[in-house]
Amino acid sequence: MAIVCVVCHQEKRGAPVNDDLVIRSIRRIKKGIAGITTRYAPALMRFLPEHFVPQNNTLVVCKDCMEEHKKRRGDFEKNLVRFGALGFIMWALLVLFGRTLALAFFGFVIFLVMLLFALPYYHPSLNQTMTAEVAKGAGKGKKTKK
């Protein structure tokens, strides 16, 4: 298990990212694919691309990539708001002009699908509590006795 930067994909130390629903889901899917492959078709395991094999790396953002991370995270948040607002407007129009429960439910499904359109832009957020601890400890060297 290595410590890998999510931006440059190199083994570096840095500020940890949140292990949120998207990352946990990706890890669960990878573990499921690897489990099925090793159980039912072990010969296929060597043909799987490397990114399908679960590595359970600790994900961080290194200091060199912090600006790129902020840009990508900001783009994801903008797209999430944009697609969410568009989905909400579609849902509201269906509720106002449809006036049936079936159309309201259909509008809610459209809203959820619109939120899924923001998923390709996903970039994980930083773990704020751990980032503050890392920043405090980063400036301090070894303590010497007086």
C-alpha atoms as a PDB file:
ATOM      1  CA  MET A   1       0.000   0.000   0.000  1.00  0.00           C
ATOM      2  CA  ALA A   2       1.607   3.209  -1.198  1.00  0.00           C
ATOM      3  CA  ILE A   3       0.907   6.888  -0.695  1.00  0.00           C
ATOM      4  CA  VAL A   4      -0.059   8.242  -4.143  1.00  0.00           C
ATOM      5  CA  CYS A   5      -0.892  11.769  -5.324  1.00  0.00           C
ATOM      6  CA  VAL A   6      -4.291  11.887  -7.076  1.00  0.00           C
ATOM      7  CA  VAL A   7      -3.120  14.540  -9.549  1.00  0.00           C
ATOM      8  CA  CYS A   8       0.327  13.407 -10.732  1.00  0.00           C
ATOM      9  CA  HIS A   9      -0.117   9.683  -9.791  1.00  0.00           C
ATOM     10  CA  GLN A  10       3.350   9.479  -8.250  1.00  0.00           C
ATOM     11  CA  GLU A  11       4.304   8.181  -4.842  1.00  0.00           C
ATOM     12  CA  LYS A  12       4.658  11.350  -2.756  1.00  0.00           C
ATOM     13  CA  ARG A  13       3.665  12.652   0.641  1.00  0.00           C
ATOM     14  CA  GLY A  14       1.053  15.371   0.938  1.00  0.00           C
ATOM     15  CA  ALA A  15      -2.356  16.379   2.233  1.00  0.00           C
ATOM     16  CA  PRO A  16      -4.767  13.414   2.452  1.00  0.00           C
ATOM     17  CA  VAL A  17      -8.051  13.397   0.537  1.00  0.00           C
ATOM     18  CA  ASN A  18     -11.436  12.405   1.937  1.00  0.00           C
ATOM     19  CA  ASP A  19     -12.359   8.759   1.534  1.00  0.00           C
ATOM     20  CA  ASP A  20     -15.889   9.627   0.391  1.00  0.00           C
ATOM     21  CA  LEU A  21     -18.720   7.725  -1.273  1.00  0.00           C
ATOM     22  CA  VAL A  22     -17.252   7.879  -4.788  1.00  0.00           C
ATOM     23  CA  ILE A  23     -13.817   6.582  -3.760  1.00  0.00           C
ATOM     24  CA  ARG A  24     -15.324   3.853  -1.577  1.00  0.00           C
ATOM     25  CA  SER A  25     -17.613   2.806  -4.453  1.00  0.00           C
ATOM     26  CA  ILE A  26     -14.715   2.620  -6.919  1.00  0.00           C
ATOM     27  CA  ARG A  27     -12.719   0.514  -4.446  1.00  0.00           C
ATOM     28  CA  ARG A  28     -15.699  -1.786  -3.875  1.00  0.00           C
ATOM     29  CA  ILE A  29     -16.218  -2.262  -7.634  1.00  0.00           C
ATOM     30  CA  LYS A  30     -12.517  -3.006  -8.177  1.00  0.00           C
ATOM     31  CA  LYS A  31     -12.523  -5.501  -5.326  1.00  0.00           C
ATOM     32  CA  GLY A  32     -15.619  -7.169  -6.786  1.00  0.00           C
ATOM     33  CA  ILE A  33     -14.126  -7.425 -10.282  1.00  0.00           C
ATOM     34  CA  ALA A  34     -10.881  -8.842  -8.917  1.00  0.00           C
ATOM     35  CA  GLY A  35     -12.766 -11.274  -6.653  1.00  0.00           C
ATOM     36  CA  ILE A  36     -14.947 -12.580  -9.469  1.00  0.00           C
ATOM     37  CA  THR A  37     -11.986 -12.880 -11.811  1.00  0.00           C
ATOM     38  CA  THR A  38      -9.771 -14.719  -9.338  1.00  0.00           C
ATOM     39  CA  ARG A  39     -12.590 -17.025  -8.274  1.00  0.00           C
ATOM     40  CA  TYR A  40     -14.106 -17.964 -11.635  1.00  0.00           C
ATOM     41  CA  ALA A  41     -11.439 -17.195 -14.224  1.00  0.00           C
ATOM     42  CA  PRO A  42      -7.961 -16.863 -12.694  1.00  0.00           C
ATOM     43  CA  ALA A  43      -6.342 -16.947 -16.137  1.00  0.00           C
ATOM     44  CA  LEU A  44      -8.133 -13.703 -17.031  1.00  0.00           C
ATOM     45  CA  MET A  45      -6.459 -11.855 -14.152  1.00  0.00           C
ATOM     46  CA  ARG A  46      -3.305 -11.309 -16.188  1.00  0.00           C
ATOM     47  CA  PHE A  47      -5.343  -9.681 -18.987  1.00  0.00           C
ATOM     48  CA  LEU A  48      -7.029  -7.156 -16.709  1.00  0.00           C
ATOM     49  CA  PRO A  49      -5.626  -3.639 -17.033  1.00  0.00           C
ATOM     50  CA  GLU A  50      -3.629  -2.523 -14.022  1.00  0.00           C
ATOM     51  CA  HIS A  51      -6.211   0.085 -12.992  1.00  0.00           C
ATOM     52  CA  PHE A  52      -8.798  -2.692 -12.436  1.00  0.00           C
ATOM     53  CA  VAL A  53      -6.646  -4.417  -9.834  1.00  0.00           C
ATOM     54  CA  PRO A  54      -7.376  -2.995  -6.355  1.00  0.00           C
ATOM     55  CA  GLN A  55      -4.257  -1.479  -4.818  1.00  0.00           C
ATOM     56  CA  ASN A  56      -5.841   0.287  -1.802  1.00  0.00           C
ATOM     57  CA  ASN A  57      -3.370   3.159  -1.971  1.00  0.00           C
ATOM     58  CA  THR A  58      -3.577   6.061   0.434  1.00  0.00           C
ATOM     59  CA  LEU A  59      -4.603   9.025  -1.699  1.00  0.00           C
ATOM     60  CA  VAL A  60      -3.010  12.428  -1.109  1.00  0.00           C
ATOM     61  CA  VAL A  61      -2.359  15.706  -2.938  1.00  0.00           C
ATOM     62  CA  CYS A  62       1.321  16.657  -2.991  1.00  0.00           C
ATOM     63  CA  LYS A  63       2.444  20.271  -2.524  1.00  0.00           C
ATOM     64  CA  ASP A  64       3.492  20.567  -6.184  1.00  0.00           C
ATOM     65  CA  CYS A  65      -0.009  19.658  -7.424  1.00  0.00           C
ATOM     66  CA  MET A  66      -2.049  21.713  -4.939  1.00  0.00           C
ATOM     67  CA  GLU A  67      -2.973  24.456  -7.465  1.00  0.00           C
ATOM     68  CA  GLU A  68      -4.040  21.908 -10.079  1.00  0.00           C
ATOM     69  CA  HIS A  69      -6.108  20.117  -7.417  1.00  0.00           C
ATOM     70  CA  LYS A  70      -7.886  23.350  -6.449  1.00  0.00           C
ATOM     71  CA  LYS A  71      -8.665  24.056 -10.108  1.00  0.00           C
ATOM     72  CA  ARG A  72     -10.039  20.561 -10.754  1.00  0.00           C
ATOM     73  CA  ARG A  73     -12.066  20.532  -7.531  1.00  0.00           C
ATOM     74  CA  GLY A  74     -13.494  23.964  -8.358  1.00  0.00           C
ATOM     75  CA  ASP A  75     -14.489  22.762 -11.837  1.00  0.00           C
ATOM     76  CA  PHE A  76     -16.230  19.731 -10.326  1.00  0.00           C
ATOM     77  CA  GLU A  77     -18.159  21.872  -7.822  1.00  0.00           C
ATOM     78  CA  LYS A  78     -19.234  24.324 -10.556  1.00  0.00           C
ATOM     79  CA  ASN A  79     -20.451  21.486 -12.761  1.00  0.00           C
ATOM     80  CA  LEU A  80     -22.264  19.852  -9.854  1.00  0.00           C
ATOM     81  CA  VAL A  81     -24.135  23.099  -9.130  1.00  0.00           C
ATOM     82  CA  ARG A  82     -24.798  23.686 -12.834  1.00  0.00           C
ATOM     83  CA  PHE A  83     -26.209  20.208 -13.487  1.00  0.00           C
ATOM     84  CA  GLY A  84     -28.095  20.224 -10.171  1.00  0.00           C
ATOM     85  CA  ALA A  85     -29.755  23.555 -10.983  1.00  0.00           C
ATOM     86  CA  LEU A  86     -30.693  22.348 -14.455  1.00  0.00           C
ATOM     87  CA  GLY A  87     -32.164  19.138 -13.031  1.00  0.00           C
ATOM     88  CA  PHE A  88     -34.086  21.085 -10.387  1.00  0.00           C
ATOM     89  CA  ILE A  89     -35.537  23.409 -13.036  1.00  0.00           C
ATOM     90  CA  MET A  90     -36.646  20.400 -15.098  1.00  0.00           C
ATOM     91  CA  TRP A  91     -38.208  18.806 -12.020  1.00  0.00           C
ATOM     92  CA  ALA A  92     -39.992  22.053 -11.078  1.00  0.00           C
ATOM     93  CA  LEU A  93     -41.376  22.483 -14.591  1.00  0.00           C
ATOM     94  CA  LEU A  94     -42.713  18.928 -14.619  1.00  0.00           C
ATOM     95  CA  VAL A  95     -44.321  19.396 -11.199  1.00  0.00           C
ATOM     96  CA  LEU A  96     -45.867  22.762 -12.119  1.00  0.00           C
ATOM     97  CA  PHE A  97     -47.199  21.805 -15.534  1.00  0.00           C
ATOM     98  CA  GLY A  98     -47.745  18.076 -15.089  1.00  0.00           C
ATOM     99  CA  ARG A  99     -49.565  18.130 -11.754  1.00  0.00           C
ATOM    100  CA  THR A 100     -49.430  14.357 -11.370  1.00  0.00           C
ATOM    101  CA  LEU A 101     -47.438  12.248  -8.984  1.00  0.00           C
ATOM    102  CA  ALA A 102     -45.997  10.158 -11.815  1.00  0.00           C
ATOM    103  CA  LEU A 103     -44.540  13.231 -13.534  1.00  0.00           C
ATOM    104  CA  ALA A 104     -43.150  14.495 -10.231  1.00  0.00           C
ATOM    105  CA  PHE A 105     -41.405  11.158  -9.730  1.00  0.00           C
ATOM    106  CA  PHE A 106     -40.143  11.214 -13.326  1.00  0.00           C
ATOM    107  CA  GLY A 107     -38.833  14.738 -12.742  1.00  0.00           C
ATOM    108  CA  PHE A 108     -36.970  13.544  -9.644  1.00  0.00           C
ATOM    109  CA  VAL A 109     -35.375  10.753 -11.682  1.00  0.00           C
ATOM    110  CA  ILE A 110     -34.311  13.354 -14.260  1.00  0.00           C
ATOM    111  CA  PHE A 111     -32.832  15.438 -11.436  1.00  0.00           C
ATOM    112  CA  LEU A 112     -30.761  12.461 -10.229  1.00  0.00           C
ATOM    113  CA  VAL A 113     -29.590  11.678 -13.762  1.00  0.00           C
ATOM    114  CA  MET A 114     -28.524  15.308 -14.202  1.00  0.00           C
ATOM    115  CA  LEU A 115     -26.451  15.022 -11.015  1.00  0.00           C
ATOM    116  CA  LEU A 116     -24.781  11.917 -12.459  1.00  0.00           C
ATOM    117  CA  PHE A 117     -23.651  14.004 -15.445  1.00  0.00           C
ATOM    118  CA  ALA A 118     -21.273  15.828 -13.081  1.00  0.00           C
ATOM    119  CA  LEU A 119     -19.577  12.562 -12.081  1.00  0.00           C
ATOM    120  CA  PRO A 120     -16.966  12.536 -14.907  1.00  0.00           C
ATOM    121  CA  TYR A 121     -15.642  15.830 -13.521  1.00  0.00           C
ATOM    122  CA  TYR A 122     -15.224  14.353 -10.015  1.00  0.00           C
ATOM    123  CA  HIS A 123     -12.098  15.231  -8.061  1.00  0.00           C
ATOM    124  CA  PRO A 124     -11.895  14.353  -4.333  1.00  0.00           C
ATOM    125  CA  SER A 125     -11.850  16.980  -1.615  1.00  0.00           C
ATOM    126  CA  LEU A 126      -9.087  17.345   0.930  1.00  0.00           C
ATOM    127  CA  ASN A 127      -9.489  16.038   4.454  1.00  0.00           C
ATOM    128  CA  GLN A 128      -9.461  19.386   6.271  1.00  0.00           C
ATOM    129  CA  THR A 129      -8.647  18.104   9.757  1.00  0.00           C
ATOM    130  CA  MET A 130      -5.703  16.022   8.577  1.00  0.00           C
ATOM    131  CA  THR A 131      -4.506  18.824   6.266  1.00  0.00           C
ATOM    132  CA  ALA A 132      -4.363  21.249   9.201  1.00  0.00           C
ATOM    133  CA  GLU A 133      -2.357  18.741  11.266  1.00  0.00           C
ATOM    134  CA  VAL A 134       0.051  18.144   8.376  1.00  0.00           C
ATOM    135  CA  ALA A 135       0.507  21.909   7.882  1.00  0.00           C
ATOM    136  CA  LYS A 136       1.221  22.432  11.596  1.00  0.00           C
ATOM    137  CA  GLY A 137       3.803  19.692  11.678  1.00  0.00           C
ATOM    138  CA  ALA A 138       5.379  20.574   8.326  1.00  0.00           C
ATOM    139  CA  GLY A 139       7.206  23.674   9.528  1.00  0.00           C
ATOM    140  CA  LYS A 140       8.614  22.047  12.646  1.00  0.00           C
ATOM    141  CA  GLY A 141      11.801  20.051  12.530  1.00  0.00           C
ATOM    142  CA  LYS A 142      13.110  17.702  15.152  1.00  0.00           C
ATOM    143  CA  LYS A 143      12.752  19.036  18.640  1.00  0.00           C
ATOM    144  CA  THR A 144      15.913  19.302  20.593  1.00  0.00           C
ATOM    145  CA  LYS A 145      16.288  19.416  24.325  1.00  0.00           C
ATOM    146  CA  LYS A 146      17.247  22.771  25.825  1.00  0.00           C
END
